[in-house]
Amino acid sequence: MIKKIFLILCLIGLSTAENTLALENAGEGFWNVVYSSDTDIGGFQFNVEGTTIIEASGGAASEADLFINYSGSLILGFSLTGTVIPAGTNTLTVLELIGTPTNLTNIVMSDPEGSQIDFIFSGVVDEIDTVSDGCDHPDFNL
């Protein structure tokens, strides 16, 4: 559990106050999109580079009853009823992908009123014990 918490802290870079998205390999072609946000999220859109989306579901987006649509490398999540994804750190959604993702681009996140929230991509955990953005720690072995 401590190692999993360290992974999340490493991904989101708690030394900064930025809102972030990261990708975490969940195995067998599944990838968690992990978010850290200081604001409730009303909707989102981004591209997953280096891969094609087969399925997108689960995570905080599904728990909040957001519609999740995807095509090719583009994913879009929105609510018709005004539900939101709570601020904090959690899995936004789970992607089933063909190939290995390299980046999230064209990130558009909105608050419950539809105003844009600034987000950055903080990295990919593409193997169980490495982080591609250089987060390195001797105790970081899952």
N, C-alpha and C. Protein backbone atom coordinates (compact mmCIF):
# COMPACT_ATOMS: atom_id res chain seq x y z
N MET A 1 0.82 -1.19 0.00
CA MET A 1 0.00 0.00 0.00
C MET A 1 0.87 1.26 0.00
N ILE A 2 1.92 1.29 0.83
CA ILE A 2 2.80 2.45 0.89
C ILE A 2 3.47 2.67 -0.47
N LYS A 3 3.86 1.60 -1.11
CA LYS A 3 4.51 1.72 -2.41
C LYS A 3 3.55 2.26 -3.46
N LYS A 4 2.28 1.88 -3.39
CA LYS A 4 1.26 2.39 -4.32
C LYS A 4 1.05 3.89 -4.08
N ILE A 5 1.03 4.31 -2.83
CA ILE A 5 0.89 5.73 -2.52
C ILE A 5 2.10 6.49 -3.05
N PHE A 6 3.30 5.92 -2.88
CA PHE A 6 4.49 6.57 -3.40
C PHE A 6 4.40 6.72 -4.91
N LEU A 7 3.90 5.72 -5.59
CA LEU A 7 3.73 5.78 -7.03
C LEU A 7 2.84 6.94 -7.41
N ILE A 8 1.72 7.08 -6.75
CA ILE A 8 0.79 8.17 -7.07
C ILE A 8 1.45 9.51 -6.79
N LEU A 9 2.12 9.64 -5.66
CA LEU A 9 2.80 10.89 -5.34
C LEU A 9 3.86 11.22 -6.37
N CYS A 10 4.56 10.20 -6.81
CA CYS A 10 5.60 10.38 -7.81
C CYS A 10 4.99 10.85 -9.13
N LEU A 11 3.89 10.25 -9.52
CA LEU A 11 3.25 10.60 -10.77
C LEU A 11 2.72 12.02 -10.78
N ILE A 12 2.09 12.40 -9.70
CA ILE A 12 1.44 13.71 -9.70
C ILE A 12 2.36 14.82 -9.25
N GLY A 13 3.55 14.48 -8.78
CA GLY A 13 4.52 15.50 -8.43
C GLY A 13 3.98 16.47 -7.40
N LEU A 14 3.72 16.00 -6.20
CA LEU A 14 3.11 16.85 -5.19
C LEU A 14 3.95 18.06 -4.83
N SER A 15 5.17 18.15 -5.32
CA SER A 15 5.96 19.34 -5.06
C SER A 15 5.41 20.54 -5.83
N THR A 16 4.53 20.30 -6.76
CA THR A 16 3.89 21.39 -7.49
C THR A 16 2.41 21.36 -7.19
N ALA A 17 1.79 22.50 -7.43
CA ALA A 17 0.36 22.61 -7.15
C ALA A 17 -0.45 22.44 -8.44
N GLU A 18 0.14 21.86 -9.47
CA GLU A 18 -0.54 21.73 -10.75
C GLU A 18 -1.54 20.58 -10.73
N ASN A 19 -2.59 20.76 -11.49
CA ASN A 19 -3.54 19.68 -11.73
C ASN A 19 -2.93 18.78 -12.79
N THR A 20 -2.97 17.46 -12.57
CA THR A 20 -2.25 16.56 -13.46
C THR A 20 -3.08 15.35 -13.88
N LEU A 21 -2.70 14.80 -15.03
CA LEU A 21 -3.15 13.50 -15.50
C LEU A 21 -1.90 12.66 -15.73
N ALA A 22 -2.00 11.37 -15.44
CA ALA A 22 -0.90 10.44 -15.67
C ALA A 22 -1.49 9.12 -16.15
N LEU A 23 -0.66 8.31 -16.78
CA LEU A 23 -1.05 6.97 -17.22
C LEU A 23 -0.31 5.94 -16.39
N GLU A 24 -1.05 4.91 -15.95
CA GLU A 24 -0.48 3.85 -15.13
C GLU A 24 -0.85 2.51 -15.75
N ASN A 25 0.16 1.71 -16.06
CA ASN A 25 -0.07 0.39 -16.65
C ASN A 25 -0.74 -0.52 -15.62
N ALA A 26 -1.94 -0.99 -15.95
CA ALA A 26 -2.68 -1.91 -15.07
C ALA A 26 -2.53 -3.35 -15.55
N GLY A 27 -1.79 -3.57 -16.65
CA GLY A 27 -1.53 -4.91 -17.15
C GLY A 27 -2.52 -5.37 -18.20
N GLU A 28 -2.07 -6.25 -19.05
CA GLU A 28 -2.88 -6.90 -20.07
C GLU A 28 -3.63 -5.92 -20.97
N GLY A 29 -2.98 -4.80 -21.33
CA GLY A 29 -3.57 -3.83 -22.24
C GLY A 29 -4.45 -2.78 -21.58
N PHE A 30 -4.58 -2.82 -20.26
CA PHE A 30 -5.40 -1.85 -19.54
C PHE A 30 -4.50 -0.79 -18.90
N TRP A 31 -4.95 0.46 -18.97
CA TRP A 31 -4.21 1.60 -18.44
C TRP A 31 -5.14 2.49 -17.63
N ASN A 32 -4.72 2.84 -16.42
CA ASN A 32 -5.47 3.78 -15.59
C ASN A 32 -5.06 5.20 -15.95
N VAL A 33 -6.03 6.07 -16.14
CA VAL A 33 -5.76 7.49 -16.26
C VAL A 33 -5.95 8.05 -14.85
N VAL A 34 -4.87 8.45 -14.22
CA VAL A 34 -4.89 8.93 -12.85
C VAL A 34 -4.92 10.46 -12.87
N TYR A 35 -5.81 11.04 -12.07
CA TYR A 35 -5.88 12.50 -12.00
C TYR A 35 -5.59 12.99 -10.60
N SER A 36 -5.09 14.21 -10.53
CA SER A 36 -4.97 14.95 -9.28
C SER A 36 -5.50 16.34 -9.58
N SER A 37 -6.56 16.73 -8.89
CA SER A 37 -7.21 18.01 -9.19
C SER A 37 -7.62 18.71 -7.91
N ASP A 38 -7.44 20.02 -7.88
CA ASP A 38 -7.89 20.81 -6.74
C ASP A 38 -9.31 21.34 -6.95
N THR A 39 -9.94 20.93 -8.05
CA THR A 39 -11.27 21.41 -8.42
C THR A 39 -12.12 20.23 -8.87
N ASP A 40 -13.41 20.24 -8.55
CA ASP A 40 -14.32 19.23 -9.11
C ASP A 40 -14.26 19.31 -10.63
N ILE A 41 -14.39 18.16 -11.29
CA ILE A 41 -14.30 18.06 -12.74
C ILE A 41 -15.69 17.79 -13.31
N GLY A 42 -16.11 18.65 -14.24
CA GLY A 42 -17.41 18.49 -14.88
C GLY A 42 -17.34 17.77 -16.21
N GLY A 43 -16.17 17.75 -16.83
CA GLY A 43 -16.00 17.08 -18.12
C GLY A 43 -14.54 17.06 -18.52
N PHE A 44 -14.21 16.23 -19.51
CA PHE A 44 -12.81 16.13 -19.95
C PHE A 44 -12.74 15.64 -21.38
N GLN A 45 -11.60 15.97 -22.00
CA GLN A 45 -11.28 15.50 -23.34
C GLN A 45 -9.77 15.48 -23.47
N PHE A 46 -9.23 14.44 -24.10
CA PHE A 46 -7.81 14.37 -24.38
C PHE A 46 -7.54 13.30 -25.42
N ASN A 47 -6.35 13.35 -26.01
CA ASN A 47 -5.89 12.33 -26.93
C ASN A 47 -4.85 11.46 -26.25
N VAL A 48 -4.89 10.16 -26.54
CA VAL A 48 -3.90 9.22 -26.04
C VAL A 48 -2.97 8.92 -27.21
N GLU A 49 -1.73 9.37 -27.09
CA GLU A 49 -0.76 9.23 -28.18
C GLU A 49 -0.12 7.85 -28.17
N GLY A 50 0.20 7.34 -29.38
CA GLY A 50 0.93 6.09 -29.52
C GLY A 50 0.08 4.84 -29.47
N THR A 51 -1.25 4.98 -29.49
CA THR A 51 -2.11 3.83 -29.29
C THR A 51 -3.50 4.10 -29.86
N THR A 52 -4.32 3.07 -29.83
CA THR A 52 -5.73 3.19 -30.21
C THR A 52 -6.57 2.70 -29.04
N ILE A 53 -7.63 3.43 -28.73
CA ILE A 53 -8.52 3.06 -27.63
C ILE A 53 -9.49 1.99 -28.09
N ILE A 54 -9.57 0.88 -27.35
CA ILE A 54 -10.55 -0.17 -27.60
C ILE A 54 -11.78 0.05 -26.74
N GLU A 55 -11.54 0.45 -25.48
CA GLU A 55 -12.64 0.64 -24.52
C GLU A 55 -12.21 1.67 -23.49
N ALA A 56 -13.16 2.42 -22.97
CA ALA A 56 -12.92 3.37 -21.88
C ALA A 56 -14.11 3.27 -20.94
N SER A 57 -13.82 2.96 -19.67
CA SER A 57 -14.91 2.83 -18.70
C SER A 57 -14.31 2.82 -17.30
N GLY A 58 -15.18 2.83 -16.32
CA GLY A 58 -14.74 2.71 -14.94
C GLY A 58 -14.17 3.99 -14.38
N GLY A 59 -13.59 3.87 -13.20
CA GLY A 59 -12.98 5.00 -12.53
C GLY A 59 -14.00 6.00 -12.00
N ALA A 60 -13.49 7.14 -11.58
CA ALA A 60 -14.33 8.18 -11.01
C ALA A 60 -15.34 8.73 -12.02
N ALA A 61 -15.00 8.71 -13.31
CA ALA A 61 -15.93 9.19 -14.33
C ALA A 61 -17.18 8.31 -14.37
N SER A 62 -17.02 7.01 -14.32
CA SER A 62 -18.18 6.11 -14.30
C SER A 62 -18.95 6.22 -12.99
N GLU A 63 -18.22 6.34 -11.88
CA GLU A 63 -18.88 6.49 -10.58
C GLU A 63 -19.76 7.74 -10.54
N ALA A 64 -19.35 8.79 -11.27
CA ALA A 64 -20.11 10.03 -11.32
C ALA A 64 -21.15 10.02 -12.45
N ASP A 65 -21.33 8.87 -13.10
CA ASP A 65 -22.29 8.71 -14.19
C ASP A 65 -22.03 9.63 -15.39
N LEU A 66 -20.75 9.92 -15.67
CA LEU A 66 -20.43 10.68 -16.86
C LEU A 66 -20.51 9.75 -18.07
N PHE A 67 -20.90 10.30 -19.20
CA PHE A 67 -20.84 9.56 -20.45
C PHE A 67 -19.39 9.58 -20.90
N ILE A 68 -18.87 8.43 -21.29
CA ILE A 68 -17.50 8.34 -21.77
C ILE A 68 -17.56 7.86 -23.22
N ASN A 69 -17.11 8.72 -24.12
CA ASN A 69 -17.07 8.39 -25.54
C ASN A 69 -15.62 8.37 -26.00
N TYR A 70 -15.31 7.53 -26.99
CA TYR A 70 -13.96 7.45 -27.51
C TYR A 70 -14.01 7.06 -28.98
N SER A 71 -12.98 7.48 -29.69
CA SER A 71 -12.83 7.13 -31.10
C SER A 71 -11.36 7.29 -31.45
N GLY A 72 -10.76 6.22 -31.94
CA GLY A 72 -9.34 6.27 -32.28
C GLY A 72 -8.51 6.52 -31.04
N SER A 73 -7.93 7.72 -30.96
CA SER A 73 -7.11 8.09 -29.81
C SER A 73 -7.76 9.17 -28.95
N LEU A 74 -8.96 9.59 -29.30
CA LEU A 74 -9.65 10.66 -28.58
C LEU A 74 -10.64 10.10 -27.57
N ILE A 75 -10.64 10.68 -26.36
CA ILE A 75 -11.60 10.30 -25.33
C ILE A 75 -12.29 11.57 -24.83
N LEU A 76 -13.59 11.43 -24.57
CA LEU A 76 -14.42 12.55 -24.14
C LEU A 76 -15.33 12.07 -23.02
N GLY A 77 -15.38 12.81 -21.92
CA GLY A 77 -16.26 12.48 -20.81
C GLY A 77 -17.09 13.70 -20.43
N PHE A 78 -18.41 13.52 -20.28
CA PHE A 78 -19.29 14.65 -19.96
C PHE A 78 -20.54 14.15 -19.26
N SER A 79 -21.23 15.09 -18.62
CA SER A 79 -22.47 14.77 -17.91
C SER A 79 -23.61 15.59 -18.51
N LEU A 80 -24.75 14.97 -18.68
CA LEU A 80 -25.95 15.68 -19.12
C LEU A 80 -26.79 16.14 -17.93
N THR A 81 -26.43 15.66 -16.73
CA THR A 81 -27.24 15.96 -15.55
C THR A 81 -26.52 16.84 -14.53
N GLY A 82 -25.28 17.23 -14.81
CA GLY A 82 -24.56 18.10 -13.90
C GLY A 82 -23.77 17.38 -12.83
N THR A 83 -23.63 16.06 -12.91
CA THR A 83 -22.81 15.35 -11.93
C THR A 83 -21.34 15.70 -12.15
N VAL A 84 -20.54 15.55 -11.10
CA VAL A 84 -19.13 15.92 -11.19
C VAL A 84 -18.24 14.83 -10.61
N ILE A 85 -17.00 14.87 -11.03
CA ILE A 85 -15.95 14.03 -10.47
C ILE A 85 -15.32 14.86 -9.35
N PRO A 86 -15.29 14.32 -8.13
CA PRO A 86 -14.78 15.12 -7.02
C PRO A 86 -13.29 15.43 -7.12
N ALA A 87 -12.93 16.62 -6.63
CA ALA A 87 -11.52 17.02 -6.55
C ALA A 87 -10.78 15.98 -5.71
N GLY A 88 -9.49 15.86 -5.94
CA GLY A 88 -8.67 14.90 -5.21
C GLY A 88 -7.78 14.14 -6.17
N THR A 89 -7.35 12.96 -5.75
CA THR A 89 -6.51 12.08 -6.56
C THR A 89 -7.19 10.73 -6.66
N ASN A 90 -7.37 10.25 -7.90
CA ASN A 90 -8.08 9.00 -8.10
C ASN A 90 -7.87 8.57 -9.55
N THR A 91 -8.42 7.41 -9.89
CA THR A 91 -8.44 6.97 -11.29
C THR A 91 -9.61 7.64 -11.99
N LEU A 92 -9.32 8.41 -13.03
CA LEU A 92 -10.35 9.09 -13.80
C LEU A 92 -11.17 8.07 -14.59
N THR A 93 -10.48 7.23 -15.34
CA THR A 93 -11.11 6.18 -16.13
C THR A 93 -10.07 5.13 -16.46
N VAL A 94 -10.52 3.98 -16.92
CA VAL A 94 -9.62 2.89 -17.28
C VAL A 94 -9.75 2.67 -18.79
N LEU A 95 -8.61 2.63 -19.45
CA LEU A 95 -8.58 2.46 -20.90
C LEU A 95 -8.06 1.08 -21.26
N GLU A 96 -8.70 0.45 -22.23
CA GLU A 96 -8.14 -0.74 -22.86
C GLU A 96 -7.56 -0.26 -24.18
N LEU A 97 -6.27 -0.52 -24.39
CA LEU A 97 -5.56 0.05 -25.52
C LEU A 97 -4.87 -0.99 -26.38
N ILE A 98 -4.71 -0.66 -27.64
CA ILE A 98 -3.84 -1.40 -28.55
C ILE A 98 -2.53 -0.65 -28.56
N GLY A 99 -1.46 -1.28 -28.12
CA GLY A 99 -0.16 -0.61 -28.08
C GLY A 99 0.10 0.04 -26.73
N THR A 100 1.24 0.70 -26.66
CA THR A 100 1.67 1.35 -25.43
C THR A 100 1.56 2.86 -25.58
N PRO A 101 0.81 3.52 -24.71
CA PRO A 101 0.66 4.97 -24.82
C PRO A 101 1.96 5.69 -24.47
N THR A 102 2.16 6.84 -25.10
CA THR A 102 3.36 7.62 -24.84
C THR A 102 3.08 8.98 -24.21
N ASN A 103 1.83 9.46 -24.34
CA ASN A 103 1.53 10.81 -23.89
C ASN A 103 0.02 11.03 -23.90
N LEU A 104 -0.43 12.00 -23.14
CA LEU A 104 -1.79 12.53 -23.26
C LEU A 104 -1.65 13.95 -23.76
N THR A 105 -2.33 14.28 -24.87
CA THR A 105 -2.21 15.60 -25.47
C THR A 105 -3.59 16.22 -25.63
N ASN A 106 -3.59 17.49 -25.98
CA ASN A 106 -4.83 18.24 -26.20
C ASN A 106 -5.78 18.08 -25.01
N ILE A 107 -5.23 18.19 -23.80
CA ILE A 107 -6.01 18.00 -22.58
C ILE A 107 -6.93 19.20 -22.36
N VAL A 108 -8.22 18.91 -22.27
CA VAL A 108 -9.22 19.93 -21.95
C VAL A 108 -10.05 19.39 -20.80
N MET A 109 -9.93 20.04 -19.66
CA MET A 109 -10.68 19.66 -18.46
C MET A 109 -11.55 20.85 -18.08
N SER A 110 -12.78 20.58 -17.64
CA SER A 110 -13.66 21.69 -17.27
C SER A 110 -14.23 21.48 -15.88
N ASP A 111 -14.54 22.60 -15.23
CA ASP A 111 -15.18 22.55 -13.92
C ASP A 111 -16.68 22.36 -14.11
N PRO A 112 -17.46 22.26 -13.05
CA PRO A 112 -18.90 22.02 -13.20
C PRO A 112 -19.66 23.11 -13.98
N GLU A 113 -19.08 24.33 -14.04
CA GLU A 113 -19.72 25.41 -14.80
C GLU A 113 -19.26 25.47 -16.25
N GLY A 114 -18.34 24.61 -16.62
CA GLY A 114 -17.85 24.57 -18.00
C GLY A 114 -16.60 25.39 -18.25
N SER A 115 -16.05 26.02 -17.21
CA SER A 115 -14.81 26.77 -17.37
C SER A 115 -13.63 25.82 -17.40
N GLN A 116 -12.63 26.17 -18.22
CA GLN A 116 -11.47 25.29 -18.35
C GLN A 116 -10.64 25.28 -17.07
N ILE A 117 -10.13 24.08 -16.72
CA ILE A 117 -9.19 23.88 -15.63
C ILE A 117 -7.85 23.53 -16.28
N ASP A 118 -6.80 24.23 -15.92
CA ASP A 118 -5.48 23.92 -16.47
C ASP A 118 -4.97 22.61 -15.91
N PHE A 119 -4.59 21.71 -16.80
CA PHE A 119 -4.03 20.40 -16.46
C PHE A 119 -2.78 20.17 -17.27
N ILE A 120 -1.85 19.39 -16.72
CA ILE A 120 -0.68 18.96 -17.47
C ILE A 120 -0.59 17.44 -17.40
N PHE A 121 0.13 16.86 -18.33
CA PHE A 121 0.42 15.43 -18.32
C PHE A 121 1.71 15.24 -17.54
N SER A 122 1.69 14.36 -16.52
CA SER A 122 2.85 14.22 -15.65
C SER A 122 3.68 12.96 -15.90
N GLY A 123 3.24 12.04 -16.76
CA GLY A 123 4.09 10.91 -17.07
C GLY A 123 3.35 9.60 -17.25
N VAL A 124 4.10 8.58 -17.65
CA VAL A 124 3.60 7.24 -17.90
C VAL A 124 4.35 6.26 -17.01
N VAL A 125 3.61 5.44 -16.27
CA VAL A 125 4.21 4.31 -15.59
C VAL A 125 3.96 3.13 -16.52
N ASP A 126 4.98 2.81 -17.34
CA ASP A 126 4.77 1.81 -18.37
C ASP A 126 5.22 0.42 -17.96
N GLU A 127 5.91 0.31 -16.84
CA GLU A 127 6.28 -0.98 -16.31
C GLU A 127 6.05 -0.95 -14.81
N ILE A 128 5.93 -2.08 -14.21
CA ILE A 128 5.60 -2.18 -12.80
C ILE A 128 6.55 -1.38 -11.91
N ASP A 129 7.85 -1.30 -12.25
CA ASP A 129 8.76 -0.65 -11.32
C ASP A 129 9.49 0.56 -11.88
N THR A 130 9.01 1.17 -12.99
CA THR A 130 9.68 2.35 -13.52
C THR A 130 8.67 3.42 -13.88
N VAL A 131 9.12 4.65 -13.81
CA VAL A 131 8.31 5.79 -14.20
C VAL A 131 9.08 6.51 -15.28
N SER A 132 8.45 6.77 -16.43
CA SER A 132 9.18 7.32 -17.57
C SER A 132 9.55 8.77 -17.41
N ASP A 133 8.98 9.50 -16.44
CA ASP A 133 9.35 10.90 -16.28
C ASP A 133 10.54 11.08 -15.34
N GLY A 134 11.18 9.99 -14.93
CA GLY A 134 12.40 10.06 -14.16
C GLY A 134 12.21 9.99 -12.65
N CYS A 135 11.04 9.73 -12.17
CA CYS A 135 10.84 9.60 -10.72
C CYS A 135 11.61 8.37 -10.27
N ASP A 136 12.60 8.58 -9.42
CA ASP A 136 13.50 7.50 -9.05
C ASP A 136 13.65 7.48 -7.54
N HIS A 137 13.46 6.34 -6.94
CA HIS A 137 13.58 6.20 -5.49
C HIS A 137 13.92 4.75 -5.19
N PRO A 138 14.87 4.49 -4.27
CA PRO A 138 15.27 3.10 -4.00
C PRO A 138 14.16 2.25 -3.41
N ASP A 139 13.17 2.85 -2.76
CA ASP A 139 12.07 2.07 -2.17
C ASP A 139 10.92 1.88 -3.15
N PHE A 140 11.08 2.35 -4.38
CA PHE A 140 9.98 2.30 -5.35
C PHE A 140 10.04 1.01 -6.15
N ASN A 141 9.54 -0.07 -5.57
CA ASN A 141 9.45 -1.36 -6.24
C ASN A 141 8.14 -1.99 -5.83
N LEU A 142 7.23 -2.14 -6.78
CA LEU A 142 5.93 -2.75 -6.48
C LEU A 142 6.02 -4.25 -6.46
